Every structure is written in structure tokens, then in C-alpha cells.
Protein backbone atom coordinates (compact mmCIF):
# COMPACT_ATOMS: atom_id res chain seq x y z
CA UNK A 1 -9.85 -16.40 -7.57
CA UNK A 2 -8.77 -13.41 -9.66
CA UNK A 3 -10.69 -11.10 -7.31
CA UNK A 4 -8.54 -12.23 -4.39
CA UNK A 5 -5.30 -11.83 -6.34
CA UNK A 6 -6.28 -8.36 -7.45
CA UNK A 7 -6.87 -7.19 -3.88
CA UNK A 8 -3.70 -8.80 -2.51
CA UNK A 9 -1.45 -7.38 -5.21
CA UNK A 10 -2.90 -3.89 -5.01
CA UNK A 11 -2.79 -3.59 -1.22
CA UNK A 12 0.82 -4.45 -0.57
CA UNK A 13 1.50 -1.43 1.66
CA UNK A 14 5.20 -2.04 2.25
CA UNK A 15 5.98 -2.26 -1.45
CA UNK A 16 3.92 0.84 -2.08
CA UNK A 17 5.88 2.84 0.50
CA UNK A 18 9.21 1.55 -0.83
CA UNK A 19 8.24 2.46 -4.39
CA UNK A 20 7.23 5.97 -3.36
CA UNK A 21 10.48 6.57 -1.47
CA UNK A 22 12.57 5.19 -4.35
CA UNK A 23 10.75 7.46 -6.77
CA UNK A 24 11.52 10.51 -4.64
CA UNK A 25 15.22 9.70 -4.22
CA UNK A 26 15.65 8.77 -7.88
CA UNK A 27 14.27 12.12 -9.04
CA UNK A 28 16.53 14.12 -6.69
CA UNK A 29 19.84 12.48 -7.58
CA UNK A 30 22.21 13.40 -4.75
CA UNK A 31 21.72 15.05 -1.37
CA UNK A 32 23.96 17.64 0.30
CA UNK A 33 23.79 15.82 3.65
CA UNK A 34 22.20 12.89 5.45
CA UNK A 35 19.99 15.36 7.29
CA UNK A 36 18.54 16.58 3.98
CA UNK A 37 17.61 13.01 3.05
CA UNK A 38 16.01 12.38 6.46
CA UNK A 39 13.93 15.56 6.12
CA UNK A 40 12.82 14.56 2.63
CA UNK A 41 11.79 11.08 3.84
CA UNK A 42 9.92 12.61 6.78
CA UNK A 43 7.90 14.87 4.49
CA UNK A 44 7.33 12.09 1.97
CA UNK A 45 6.08 9.66 4.65
CA UNK A 46 3.66 12.31 5.91
CA UNK A 47 2.24 12.67 2.40
CA UNK A 48 2.15 8.90 1.83
CA UNK A 49 0.35 8.26 5.12
CA UNK A 50 -2.50 10.58 4.09
CA UNK A 51 -3.44 8.08 1.37
CA UNK A 52 -3.77 5.18 3.83
CA UNK A 53 -7.32 6.12 4.75
CA UNK A 54 -8.57 5.17 1.31
CA UNK A 55 -10.80 2.08 1.07
CA UNK A 56 -9.39 -1.04 -0.54
CA UNK A 57 -10.25 -1.19 -4.22
CA UNK A 58 -12.45 -4.12 -5.30
CA UNK A 59 -12.75 -5.34 -1.70
CA UNK A 60 -16.43 -6.29 -2.05
CA UNK A 61 -15.73 -8.73 -4.90
CA UNK A 62 -12.79 -10.25 -3.00
CA UNK A 63 -14.86 -10.60 0.19
CA UNK A 64 -17.58 -12.41 -1.75
CA UNK A 65 -14.96 -14.75 -3.19
CA UNK A 66 -13.44 -15.37 0.27
CA UNK A 67 -16.91 -16.24 1.56
CA UNK A 68 -17.44 -18.78 -1.21
CA UNK A 69 -13.92 -20.23 -1.08
CA UNK A 70 -13.46 -20.33 2.72
CA UNK A 71 -17.01 -20.52 4.06
CA UNK A 72 -16.06 -22.42 7.22
CA UNK A 73 -13.40 -19.84 8.15
CA UNK A 74 -15.50 -16.71 7.62
CA UNK A 75 -17.21 -15.22 10.70
CA UNK A 76 -20.99 -15.51 10.72
CA UNK A 77 -22.91 -12.25 10.95
């Protein structure tokens, strides 16, 4: 069961994006205009989206656990 938890907690994409944007705004302090903030978010989201192609860490172990735990729900190959 720990394999499943590990994958779920490490793949929460929304929280990851929020954390990255908070980190950027926290380091900058204040912005001269709303437009400056929008530009910064645009550039940050472009950089963040490049990481989305990465494979899910420890997916194989979680998939094995899903197969054991929920055998009747898993598609047959």
C-alpha cells in the first residue's frame, strides 16, 4: 500500500504547479504592475510544463500493487 501512496503524493500536479508559482512570487517580493506578474507567470508556466514529460517515479511498483489489490478492476493484457 505504501507504493500507491508514494505515487499519489508525488504526482499531484496541481499542488506542484501552485508550489512553483508561490516560490517564484515569494522570491520577487513586489511587482511594478499586474502585467509584470502575468509575464512572469507565463514564463514560469512554460518552464514548468517542460517537466511534465517526465515519467512517474516508482510507477512500476505502484502498478504491481494496483494489480494485486484491485485485480478485478485492472484491464487484462
